Amino acid sequence: MPYLPSFIAPMRYSDPAAALAQVRAIYGQQIAHLRGAMQRYVAGATLPGHVRACYPFVRIHTDTVARAILETPDIVQLSYGFVAGPGHFETTLTRPDLYSDYYLEQFRLLMQNHEVELEVGTSTQPIPIHFSFAENDHIEGTMSPARRMLMRDVFDLPDLAAMDDGIANGTFEARPGEPQPLALFTAARVDYSLQRLRHYTGTSPQWFQNFVLFTNYQFYIDEFVRLGHEQMADPHSEYIAFIEPGNVVTRRAGLPAEEGDALGAAPPRLPQMPAYHLVRADHTGTTMVNIGVGPANAKNITDHVAVLRPHAWIMLGHCAGLRNSQQLGDYVLAHGYVREDHVLDEELPLWVPIPALAEIQKALEQAVKDVTQAEGADLKRIMRTGTVASTDNRNWELLPNNQPQRRFSQSRAVALDMESATIAANGFRFRVPYGTLLCVSDKPLHGEIKLPGMANQFYRDRVDQHLRIGMRAVELLRAEGISQLHSRKLRSFSEVAFQ
């Protein structure tokens, strides 16, 4: 017999703040039930049944395709915040502490677009016990292996069937009578990724900012760390904190430490994809992640960062220049991608085009101008706009019969790397604005391969400038406003309402 908390019946709300408060109440009650039961279980107690708690849900019903706010330009131009047509729409929700601003905005837009009430209640989707632990709660580690094995008989464990990406991939089909989805991700899928982000990046999801830079070299991270500490020493900086792996928090000069800061500690070794965060009070700062080398890493990290619904992510990394006219240190602004990375072939077929997004392209080009002070012909000499090919074979140039070179030539590719197409494709797939600005570090087709002396000089000359270009692009995107950034190119004709 299930051991459940008291049932909280669904209620309707015409105020988004009240709806959010009810989400908080339900989630808090359900999590408290799980944590209390877990503490008793670890202490050796026999529980009165299978322990279960469920996520809150939000639901709307509309019976018309019409929207109520067509005369409000600032809302009408948004590519999200409304459902595609009449019907029932629903999603489960998690972590209202982390997503409060996001949920409040989605609720507000739904009510304004459709002039309907929101229904909030307790769903039937169980919360896996692993997703109920507090940030620094590791009580399960005190149990014996046999006791841990028995957990599956007492608690709900993660159910992969509830975590697939069918909604995002456009393959989800609701069963007869089942509501249509309101969001790309179910609560369980979100919780799964939040756990993965802690593991891979060594930082808590709460620190991630709405603009994310990815890189494939530690040199960029070293420069970002230097910049972060420089900003923290400036009492007038726009940033309020700098976070490093292990949740090590450095507050801006003049700001007091906050609760939880002292819990951070540098890890004995860096995580697989360490993340660093320059935090703004409004969450529109910059996160930088060293994803390492390869399309599998690129897919892995973007699969999980996507649940945070960032405003943009941009790849800053090194590439092989494919044109003889390019010089080491030149920049490549990707406007198209040849996807030979293969890691997304099942989720996003190769026949799906990955378009360049004008808002990101313009910001990156302007950032190159601002940082290098190059204009006109001088700008063209140091930056090439063109197609970037991404491969899953690091030694592609050693394949027989020049097979890759022929394809790259036919595609008019100007550069090649291993991550950019994956990051762009997953941005398209998850409706996250994306862009790529690479720096030529070798030219293998023309005999200029990476050698230690050349590489060291190249890194010294270009990493700082490249990073400053990326940071400048974020500043420009932030100044333009997110209503301009979330392009309709990324939304289908039958799209979920949540951003």
Protein backbone atom coordinates (compact mmCIF):
# COMPACT_ATOMS: atom_id res chain seq x y z
CA MET A 1 0.00 0.00 0.00
CA PRO A 2 1.46 3.42 -0.93
CA TYR A 3 2.63 5.68 1.87
CA LEU A 4 1.51 9.12 0.62
CA PRO A 5 1.36 12.67 1.95
CA SER A 6 -2.02 14.34 2.39
CA PHE A 7 -3.67 14.99 -0.95
CA ILE A 8 -3.82 18.61 -2.15
CA ALA A 9 -6.72 18.98 -4.58
CA PRO A 10 -6.37 20.96 -7.83
CA MET A 11 -7.32 24.62 -7.64
CA ARG A 12 -7.81 27.36 -10.23
CA TYR A 13 -5.98 30.68 -10.16
CA SER A 14 -6.37 33.96 -12.00
CA ASP A 15 -3.20 35.44 -10.49
CA PRO A 16 0.18 34.03 -11.64
CA ALA A 17 1.84 34.74 -8.27
CA ALA A 18 -0.88 32.79 -6.45
CA ALA A 19 -0.50 29.89 -8.87
CA LEU A 20 3.25 29.86 -8.25
CA ALA A 21 2.69 29.94 -4.49
CA GLN A 22 0.53 26.82 -4.81
CA VAL A 23 3.22 25.08 -6.87
CA ARG A 24 5.68 25.88 -4.08
CA ALA A 25 3.30 24.54 -1.43
CA ILE A 26 2.68 21.25 -3.22
CA TYR A 27 6.33 20.69 -4.09
CA GLY A 28 7.45 21.56 -0.56
CA GLN A 29 4.93 19.16 0.97
CA GLN A 30 5.89 16.30 -1.36
CA ILE A 31 9.63 16.78 -0.91
CA ALA A 32 9.29 17.02 2.88
CA HIS A 33 7.40 13.70 2.83
CA LEU A 34 10.18 12.01 0.85
CA ARG A 35 13.00 13.43 2.94
CA GLY A 36 11.31 12.52 6.21
CA ALA A 37 10.72 8.96 5.01
CA MET A 38 14.30 8.70 3.77
CA GLN A 39 15.69 9.81 7.12
CA ARG A 40 13.61 7.16 8.87
CA TYR A 41 14.71 4.52 6.36
CA VAL A 42 18.40 5.35 6.82
CA ALA A 43 17.90 5.12 10.59
CA GLY A 44 16.65 1.55 10.13
CA ALA A 45 12.91 2.10 10.54
CA THR A 46 10.30 0.00 8.72
CA LEU A 47 8.05 2.30 6.72
CA PRO A 48 4.27 1.72 6.47
CA GLY A 49 4.28 1.09 2.72
CA HIS A 50 5.85 2.06 -0.59
CA VAL A 51 6.82 5.72 -0.19
CA ARG A 52 5.49 7.96 -2.94
CA ALA A 53 5.34 11.68 -3.58
CA CYS A 54 4.40 13.36 -6.85
CA TYR A 55 5.30 16.50 -8.76
CA PRO A 56 2.93 19.45 -8.96
CA PHE A 57 1.34 20.18 -12.32
CA VAL A 58 0.00 23.25 -14.08
CA ARG A 59 -2.80 22.97 -16.63
CA ILE A 60 -4.80 25.28 -18.88
CA HIS A 61 -7.84 24.75 -21.07
CA THR A 62 -8.74 26.97 -23.97
CA ASP A 63 -11.48 26.52 -26.55
CA THR A 64 -10.35 28.98 -29.20
CA VAL A 65 -7.35 29.56 -31.46
CA ALA A 66 -7.64 33.31 -30.88
CA ARG A 67 -5.25 35.16 -28.61
CA ALA A 68 -6.47 37.92 -26.33
CA ILE A 69 -3.59 40.40 -26.55
CA LEU A 70 -3.04 40.99 -30.27
CA GLU A 71 -2.94 44.74 -29.61
CA THR A 72 0.07 44.40 -27.23
CA PRO A 73 3.21 44.48 -29.43
CA ASP A 74 5.74 43.55 -26.74
CA ILE A 75 3.88 40.29 -26.06
CA VAL A 76 2.72 39.51 -29.59
CA GLN A 77 6.28 39.50 -30.94
CA LEU A 78 7.35 36.81 -28.47
CA SER A 79 7.73 33.33 -29.96
CA TYR A 80 6.46 31.66 -26.78
CA GLY A 81 3.85 32.16 -24.05
CA PHE A 82 0.83 30.78 -25.94
CA VAL A 83 -0.59 27.42 -26.97
CA ALA A 84 -1.06 26.39 -30.58
CA GLY A 85 -4.82 25.95 -30.48
CA PRO A 86 -7.83 24.88 -28.40
CA GLY A 87 -7.48 21.99 -25.97
CA HIS A 88 -6.04 20.89 -22.63
CA PHE A 89 -2.35 21.57 -22.00
CA GLU A 90 -0.35 20.43 -19.00
CA THR A 91 3.15 19.94 -17.62
CA THR A 92 4.70 18.77 -14.38
CA LEU A 93 6.93 21.20 -12.48
CA THR A 94 9.95 20.92 -10.21
CA ARG A 95 12.30 23.08 -8.17
CA PRO A 96 10.15 26.23 -7.85
CA ASP A 97 13.00 27.68 -5.79
CA LEU A 98 15.25 27.53 -8.85
CA TYR A 99 12.63 28.31 -11.52
CA SER A 100 10.42 30.82 -9.70
CA ASP A 101 11.07 33.76 -12.06
CA TYR A 102 10.79 31.52 -15.11
CA TYR A 103 7.53 29.91 -13.99
CA LEU A 104 6.04 33.26 -13.02
CA GLU A 105 6.75 34.68 -16.47
CA GLN A 106 5.30 31.63 -18.26
CA PHE A 107 2.16 31.74 -16.11
CA ARG A 108 1.74 35.48 -16.73
CA LEU A 109 2.06 35.11 -20.50
CA LEU A 110 -0.41 32.21 -20.67
CA MET A 111 -3.01 34.19 -18.73
CA GLN A 112 -2.51 37.32 -20.82
CA ASN A 113 -2.55 35.48 -24.15
CA HIS A 114 -5.60 33.35 -23.45
CA GLU A 115 -7.48 35.05 -20.60
CA VAL A 116 -7.86 31.73 -18.83
CA GLU A 117 -7.30 30.52 -15.31
CA LEU A 118 -4.43 28.20 -14.45
CA GLU A 119 -5.15 24.96 -12.67
CA VAL A 120 -2.48 23.79 -10.23
CA GLY A 121 -2.56 20.43 -8.49
CA THR A 122 -0.69 17.26 -7.59
CA SER A 123 0.17 15.07 -10.56
CA THR A 124 0.48 11.29 -10.69
CA GLN A 125 4.13 11.43 -11.80
CA PRO A 126 6.28 10.18 -8.90
CA ILE A 127 9.30 12.13 -7.68
CA PRO A 128 12.29 9.73 -7.68
CA ILE A 129 13.89 9.61 -4.25
CA HIS A 130 17.28 10.60 -5.71
CA PHE A 131 15.82 13.91 -6.86
CA SER A 132 14.58 14.80 -3.39
CA PHE A 133 17.95 15.14 -1.67
CA ALA A 134 18.98 18.64 -0.61
CA GLU A 135 22.07 20.23 -2.18
CA ASN A 136 24.49 19.05 0.50
CA ASP A 137 22.51 16.05 1.70
CA HIS A 138 24.36 12.74 1.27
CA ILE A 139 22.63 10.59 3.88
CA GLU A 140 22.23 7.66 1.49
CA GLY A 141 26.00 7.17 1.63
CA THR A 142 25.76 5.96 5.24
CA MET A 143 23.68 2.91 4.30
CA SER A 144 25.00 -0.59 3.75
CA PRO A 145 24.97 -1.95 0.17
CA ALA A 146 22.14 -4.32 1.11
CA ARG A 147 20.05 -1.48 2.53
CA ARG A 148 20.66 0.61 -0.59
CA MET A 149 19.57 -2.32 -2.76
CA LEU A 150 16.26 -2.51 -0.90
CA MET A 151 15.54 1.17 -1.64
CA ARG A 152 13.94 0.19 -4.93
CA ASP A 153 11.29 -1.74 -2.99
CA VAL A 154 10.50 1.23 -0.74
CA PHE A 155 10.96 4.34 -2.91
CA ASP A 156 10.37 5.34 -6.51
CA LEU A 157 13.59 5.37 -8.53
CA PRO A 158 14.15 7.34 -11.76
CA ASP A 159 11.95 6.05 -14.58
CA LEU A 160 13.63 6.62 -17.92
CA ALA A 161 10.29 6.27 -19.70
CA ALA A 162 9.24 9.57 -18.11
CA MET A 163 12.42 11.36 -19.21
CA ASP A 164 12.69 10.95 -22.96
CA ASP A 165 12.98 13.92 -25.29
CA GLY A 166 10.01 13.11 -27.49
CA ILE A 167 8.48 16.56 -26.96
CA ALA A 168 11.65 18.41 -27.91
CA ASN A 169 12.29 16.05 -30.83
CA GLY A 170 8.78 16.59 -32.20
CA THR A 171 7.93 12.89 -32.00
CA PHE A 172 5.61 12.97 -28.97
CA GLU A 173 1.97 12.05 -29.65
CA ALA A 174 -0.55 12.37 -26.85
CA ARG A 175 -2.81 9.39 -26.27
CA PRO A 176 -6.57 9.94 -26.68
CA GLY A 177 -7.79 12.08 -23.79
CA GLU A 178 -4.27 12.92 -22.65
CA PRO A 179 -3.35 16.65 -22.35
CA GLN A 180 -0.93 18.19 -24.82
CA PRO A 181 2.41 19.30 -23.34
CA LEU A 182 3.00 22.84 -22.09
CA ALA A 183 6.81 22.54 -21.83
CA LEU A 184 9.64 20.78 -23.65
CA PHE A 185 10.66 18.85 -20.54
CA THR A 186 8.77 16.99 -17.84
CA ALA A 187 9.73 17.63 -14.23
CA ALA A 188 11.57 14.30 -13.99
CA ARG A 189 13.61 15.10 -17.11
CA VAL A 190 14.53 18.48 -15.62
CA ASP A 191 15.56 16.91 -12.31
CA TYR A 192 17.66 14.31 -14.12
CA SER A 193 19.61 17.03 -15.93
CA LEU A 194 20.05 19.13 -12.80
CA GLN A 195 21.72 16.13 -11.17
CA ARG A 196 23.91 15.58 -14.23
CA LEU A 197 25.00 19.24 -14.27
CA ARG A 198 26.25 18.96 -10.69
CA HIS A 199 28.20 15.85 -11.62
CA TYR A 200 29.78 17.05 -14.86
CA THR A 201 30.45 20.71 -14.05
CA GLY A 202 31.16 20.61 -10.32
CA THR A 203 28.77 23.49 -9.65
CA SER A 204 25.15 23.76 -8.59
CA PRO A 205 22.52 24.55 -11.24
CA GLN A 206 21.52 27.69 -9.31
CA TRP A 207 24.74 29.40 -10.40
CA PHE A 208 24.25 28.93 -14.14
CA GLN A 209 23.62 32.19 -15.93
CA ASN A 210 21.35 32.83 -18.91
CA PHE A 211 24.25 33.30 -21.33
CA VAL A 212 26.58 30.33 -21.73
CA LEU A 213 29.95 30.15 -23.47
CA PHE A 214 31.34 26.74 -24.38
CA THR A 215 34.98 26.12 -25.15
CA ASN A 216 37.17 23.14 -25.94
CA TYR A 217 40.39 24.43 -24.38
CA GLN A 218 41.42 25.08 -20.79
CA PHE A 219 43.34 28.19 -21.90
CA TYR A 220 40.03 30.02 -22.29
CA ILE A 221 38.97 28.97 -18.81
CA ASP A 222 42.23 30.24 -17.33
CA GLU A 223 41.56 33.62 -18.91
CA PHE A 224 37.93 33.60 -17.76
CA VAL A 225 39.05 32.86 -14.19
CA ARG A 226 41.49 35.76 -14.34
CA LEU A 227 38.72 38.02 -15.63
CA GLY A 228 36.32 36.76 -12.94
CA HIS A 229 38.65 37.61 -10.08
CA GLU A 230 39.45 40.95 -11.69
CA GLN A 231 35.73 41.77 -11.73
CA MET A 232 35.34 40.72 -8.09
CA ALA A 233 38.09 43.14 -7.07
CA ASP A 234 36.14 46.02 -8.64
CA PRO A 235 33.44 47.31 -6.24
CA HIS A 236 31.65 48.91 -9.21
CA SER A 237 31.49 45.74 -11.33
CA GLU A 238 28.12 44.75 -12.81
CA TYR A 239 28.77 41.23 -11.50
CA ILE A 240 28.04 40.29 -7.91
CA ALA A 241 29.81 36.92 -7.60
CA PHE A 242 32.22 34.55 -9.31
CA ILE A 243 31.69 30.80 -8.86
CA GLU A 244 34.26 28.06 -9.47
CA PRO A 245 34.01 24.24 -9.32
CA GLY A 246 33.18 22.97 -5.88
CA ASN A 247 30.76 25.93 -5.55
CA VAL A 248 33.62 28.13 -4.41
CA VAL A 249 32.06 31.60 -4.15
CA THR A 250 33.92 34.88 -4.44
CA ARG A 251 31.71 37.91 -3.79
CA ARG A 252 32.32 41.31 -5.33
CA ALA A 253 34.40 43.63 -3.17
CA GLY A 254 32.16 45.29 -0.59
CA LEU A 255 29.43 42.62 -0.66
CA PRO A 256 28.98 40.37 2.39
CA ALA A 257 29.11 36.59 2.23
CA GLU A 258 25.72 34.88 1.98
CA GLU A 259 24.31 31.76 3.58
CA GLY A 260 25.84 28.68 1.99
CA ASP A 261 28.97 30.38 0.64
CA ALA A 262 31.15 28.70 3.27
CA LEU A 263 30.02 25.25 2.12
CA GLY A 264 31.99 25.58 -1.12
CA ALA A 265 35.35 23.83 -1.37
CA ALA A 266 37.72 23.34 -4.29
CA PRO A 267 37.53 19.69 -5.45
CA PRO A 268 40.65 17.50 -5.28
CA ARG A 269 40.45 17.18 -9.05
CA LEU A 270 38.47 19.06 -11.69
CA PRO A 271 35.20 17.52 -12.92
CA GLN A 272 34.85 16.30 -16.47
CA MET A 273 33.43 19.58 -17.80
CA PRO A 274 34.17 22.30 -15.23
CA ALA A 275 31.90 25.35 -15.20
CA TYR A 276 32.59 28.90 -14.02
CA HIS A 277 29.99 31.59 -13.49
CA LEU A 278 30.16 35.39 -13.53
CA VAL A 279 26.90 36.14 -11.76
CA ARG A 280 24.63 39.14 -12.23
CA ALA A 281 21.78 39.88 -9.83
CA ASP A 282 19.22 39.36 -12.61
CA HIS A 283 20.79 36.04 -13.67
CA THR A 284 21.91 37.45 -17.04
CA GLY A 285 25.61 37.01 -16.36
CA THR A 286 27.93 34.63 -18.18
CA THR A 287 28.67 30.96 -17.56
CA MET A 288 31.67 29.33 -19.23
CA VAL A 289 32.12 25.57 -19.54
CA ASN A 290 35.14 23.65 -20.77
CA ILE A 291 33.40 20.81 -22.57
CA GLY A 292 36.64 19.14 -23.65
CA VAL A 293 37.04 17.57 -27.07
CA GLY A 294 34.46 15.76 -29.14
CA PRO A 295 30.81 15.81 -30.20
CA ALA A 296 29.74 13.35 -27.49
CA ASN A 297 30.79 15.83 -24.80
CA ALA A 298 29.11 18.66 -26.69
CA LYS A 299 25.81 16.77 -26.87
CA ASN A 300 26.03 15.63 -23.27
CA ILE A 301 26.45 19.07 -21.74
CA THR A 302 23.89 20.81 -23.97
CA ASP A 303 21.34 18.05 -23.29
CA HIS A 304 21.50 19.10 -19.64
CA VAL A 305 22.08 22.87 -19.84
CA ALA A 306 18.97 23.06 -22.04
CA VAL A 307 16.63 22.45 -19.08
CA LEU A 308 17.81 25.74 -17.56
CA ARG A 309 16.29 27.53 -20.59
CA PRO A 310 19.23 29.88 -21.24
CA HIS A 311 18.81 32.87 -23.54
CA ALA A 312 21.79 31.85 -25.71
CA TRP A 313 24.82 29.62 -25.91
CA ILE A 314 27.90 30.28 -28.01
CA MET A 315 30.85 28.09 -28.95
CA LEU A 316 34.30 29.69 -28.66
CA GLY A 317 37.00 27.27 -29.65
CA HIS A 318 39.75 26.32 -32.03
CA CYS A 319 39.37 24.86 -35.49
CA ALA A 320 41.32 23.69 -38.49
CA GLY A 321 41.33 26.26 -41.27
CA LEU A 322 40.51 24.66 -44.64
CA ARG A 323 41.38 27.57 -46.94
CA ASN A 324 44.90 28.47 -48.00
CA SER A 325 44.06 32.16 -47.60
CA GLN A 326 43.46 31.77 -43.86
CA GLN A 327 46.15 32.52 -41.31
CA LEU A 328 46.64 31.06 -37.86
CA GLY A 329 44.67 33.25 -35.48
CA ASP A 330 41.97 34.19 -38.01
CA TYR A 331 38.35 33.93 -36.87
CA VAL A 332 35.53 31.91 -38.42
CA LEU A 333 31.92 32.96 -37.90
CA ALA A 334 29.78 29.93 -38.72
CA HIS A 335 26.71 30.55 -40.86
CA GLY A 336 26.12 26.88 -41.69
CA TYR A 337 27.19 23.44 -40.50
CA VAL A 338 28.17 20.13 -42.06
CA ARG A 339 27.14 17.56 -39.46
CA GLU A 340 29.55 14.65 -39.60
CA ASP A 341 29.51 14.31 -35.81
CA HIS A 342 26.73 11.64 -35.86
CA VAL A 343 25.76 11.98 -32.19
CA LEU A 344 22.39 13.60 -32.97
CA ASP A 345 21.46 11.57 -36.05
CA GLU A 346 18.69 9.71 -34.17
CA GLU A 347 17.18 12.79 -32.50
CA LEU A 348 17.62 15.33 -35.32
CA PRO A 349 17.76 13.89 -38.86
CA LEU A 350 20.46 15.21 -41.16
CA TRP A 351 17.84 16.59 -43.53
CA VAL A 352 16.88 19.18 -40.88
CA PRO A 353 18.72 22.45 -41.69
CA ILE A 354 20.43 24.31 -38.85
CA PRO A 355 19.98 27.99 -39.76
CA ALA A 356 22.19 30.83 -38.69
CA LEU A 357 20.39 33.16 -36.26
CA ALA A 358 20.66 36.79 -37.32
CA GLU A 359 20.63 38.13 -33.75
CA ILE A 360 23.62 36.01 -32.72
CA GLN A 361 25.48 36.54 -36.00
CA LYS A 362 25.18 40.31 -35.77
CA ALA A 363 26.31 40.34 -32.14
CA LEU A 364 29.37 38.19 -32.85
CA GLU A 365 30.39 40.21 -35.89
CA GLN A 366 29.97 43.48 -34.00
CA ALA A 367 31.93 42.05 -31.06
CA VAL A 368 34.85 41.21 -33.38
CA LYS A 369 34.77 44.78 -34.68
CA ASP A 370 34.60 46.28 -31.20
CA VAL A 371 37.47 44.22 -29.77
CA THR A 372 39.83 44.18 -32.77
CA GLN A 373 38.92 47.68 -34.03
CA ALA A 374 38.93 46.22 -37.55
CA GLU A 375 36.54 47.49 -40.21
CA GLY A 376 35.78 46.75 -43.85
CA ALA A 377 38.57 44.96 -45.69
CA ASP A 378 40.64 44.67 -42.52
CA LEU A 379 37.77 42.82 -40.83
CA LYS A 380 37.44 40.45 -43.79
CA ARG A 381 41.13 39.67 -43.59
CA ILE A 382 40.86 38.37 -40.01
CA MET A 383 37.34 36.88 -40.01
CA ARG A 384 35.74 34.55 -42.51
CA THR A 385 32.00 33.86 -42.50
CA GLY A 386 31.19 30.44 -43.85
CA THR A 387 30.30 26.82 -43.28
CA VAL A 388 31.90 24.87 -40.43
CA ALA A 389 32.17 21.10 -40.65
CA SER A 390 32.17 19.06 -37.45
CA THR A 391 33.48 15.50 -37.38
CA ASP A 392 33.65 12.71 -34.82
CA ASN A 393 37.03 11.55 -36.20
CA ARG A 394 39.91 13.52 -34.70
CA ASN A 395 42.28 12.07 -37.31
CA TRP A 396 40.07 12.68 -40.29
CA GLU A 397 43.04 13.84 -42.40
CA LEU A 398 44.53 10.32 -42.21
CA LEU A 399 41.56 8.60 -43.88
CA PRO A 400 42.35 7.04 -47.29
CA ASN A 401 41.46 8.46 -50.68
CA ASN A 402 40.83 12.01 -49.39
CA GLN A 403 37.19 11.14 -48.67
CA PRO A 404 36.52 13.84 -46.02
CA GLN A 405 38.41 16.51 -47.94
CA ARG A 406 36.21 15.99 -50.98
CA ARG A 407 33.01 16.36 -48.94
CA PHE A 408 34.33 19.41 -47.14
CA SER A 409 35.23 20.96 -50.48
CA GLN A 410 31.81 20.21 -51.95
CA SER A 411 30.12 21.79 -48.90
CA ARG A 412 32.30 24.93 -49.22
CA ALA A 413 33.39 24.46 -45.59
CA VAL A 414 35.99 26.98 -44.43
CA ALA A 415 36.81 25.35 -41.09
CA LEU A 416 36.53 22.07 -39.25
CA ASP A 417 36.17 21.17 -35.58
CA MET A 418 34.53 18.47 -33.47
CA GLU A 419 31.91 20.32 -31.41
CA SER A 420 30.31 23.31 -33.11
CA ALA A 421 27.72 21.55 -35.25
CA THR A 422 26.56 19.52 -32.26
CA ILE A 423 26.15 22.61 -30.09
CA ALA A 424 24.27 24.44 -32.84
CA ALA A 425 22.09 21.43 -33.66
CA ASN A 426 21.17 20.90 -30.02
CA GLY A 427 20.40 24.60 -29.73
CA PHE A 428 18.01 24.23 -32.66
CA ARG A 429 16.54 21.06 -31.17
CA PHE A 430 15.98 22.58 -27.73
CA ARG A 431 14.97 26.08 -28.94
CA VAL A 432 18.06 27.74 -27.41
CA PRO A 433 19.60 30.52 -29.55
CA TYR A 434 23.09 29.47 -30.63
CA GLY A 435 26.18 30.71 -32.43
CA THR A 436 29.79 29.80 -33.21
CA LEU A 437 32.96 31.87 -33.42
CA LEU A 438 36.11 29.79 -33.91
CA CYS A 439 39.78 30.63 -34.16
CA VAL A 440 42.07 28.92 -36.68
CA SER A 441 44.81 27.07 -34.80
CA ASP A 442 46.15 24.84 -37.60
CA LYS A 443 45.82 24.17 -41.32
CA PRO A 444 46.40 20.43 -41.80
CA LEU A 445 45.49 20.46 -45.50
CA HIS A 446 48.27 22.97 -46.10
CA GLY A 447 51.03 21.49 -43.98
CA GLU A 448 50.55 23.77 -40.97
CA ILE A 449 49.99 21.30 -38.14
CA LYS A 450 50.06 22.06 -34.45
CA LEU A 451 53.57 22.03 -32.98
CA PRO A 452 54.33 22.92 -29.36
CA GLY A 453 56.15 26.17 -30.08
CA MET A 454 53.61 27.39 -32.61
CA ALA A 455 50.71 26.44 -30.35
CA ASN A 456 52.11 28.21 -27.31
CA GLN A 457 52.64 31.43 -29.23
CA PHE A 458 49.20 31.16 -30.80
CA TYR A 459 47.52 30.70 -27.42
CA ARG A 460 49.31 33.71 -25.97
CA ASP A 461 48.33 35.91 -28.87
CA ARG A 462 44.71 34.94 -29.37
CA VAL A 463 42.98 33.44 -26.31
CA ASP A 464 42.54 36.70 -24.44
CA GLN A 465 41.17 38.50 -27.49
CA HIS A 466 38.85 35.65 -28.44
CA LEU A 467 37.37 35.49 -24.95
CA ARG A 468 36.85 39.25 -24.86
CA ILE A 469 34.99 38.98 -28.16
CA GLY A 470 32.69 36.33 -26.66
CA MET A 471 32.06 38.45 -23.57
CA ARG A 472 31.36 41.49 -25.72
CA ALA A 473 28.85 39.50 -27.78
CA VAL A 474 27.01 38.58 -24.58
CA GLU A 475 26.89 42.26 -23.59
CA LEU A 476 25.37 43.14 -26.97
CA LEU A 477 22.78 40.36 -26.79
CA ARG A 478 21.82 41.35 -23.26
CA ALA A 479 21.39 44.98 -24.31
CA GLU A 480 19.13 43.99 -27.22
CA GLY A 481 16.71 42.20 -24.88
CA ILE A 482 15.51 38.62 -24.88
CA SER A 483 12.33 39.41 -26.82
CA GLN A 484 14.56 39.96 -29.86
CA LEU A 485 16.70 36.93 -29.15
CA HIS A 486 14.27 34.00 -28.99
CA SER A 487 13.72 33.66 -32.70
CA ARG A 488 10.60 32.21 -34.33
CA LYS A 489 13.03 30.18 -36.46
CA LEU A 490 13.43 27.87 -33.48
CA ARG A 491 9.70 27.25 -32.96
CA SER A 492 7.55 24.81 -34.89
CA PHE A 493 3.98 25.44 -36.11
CA SER A 494 2.66 23.32 -33.23
CA GLU A 495 4.83 24.43 -30.36
CA VAL A 496 4.78 24.19 -26.56
CA ALA A 497 3.96 27.39 -24.72
CA PHE A 498 6.86 27.58 -22.28
CA GLN A 499 10.00 29.38 -23.45
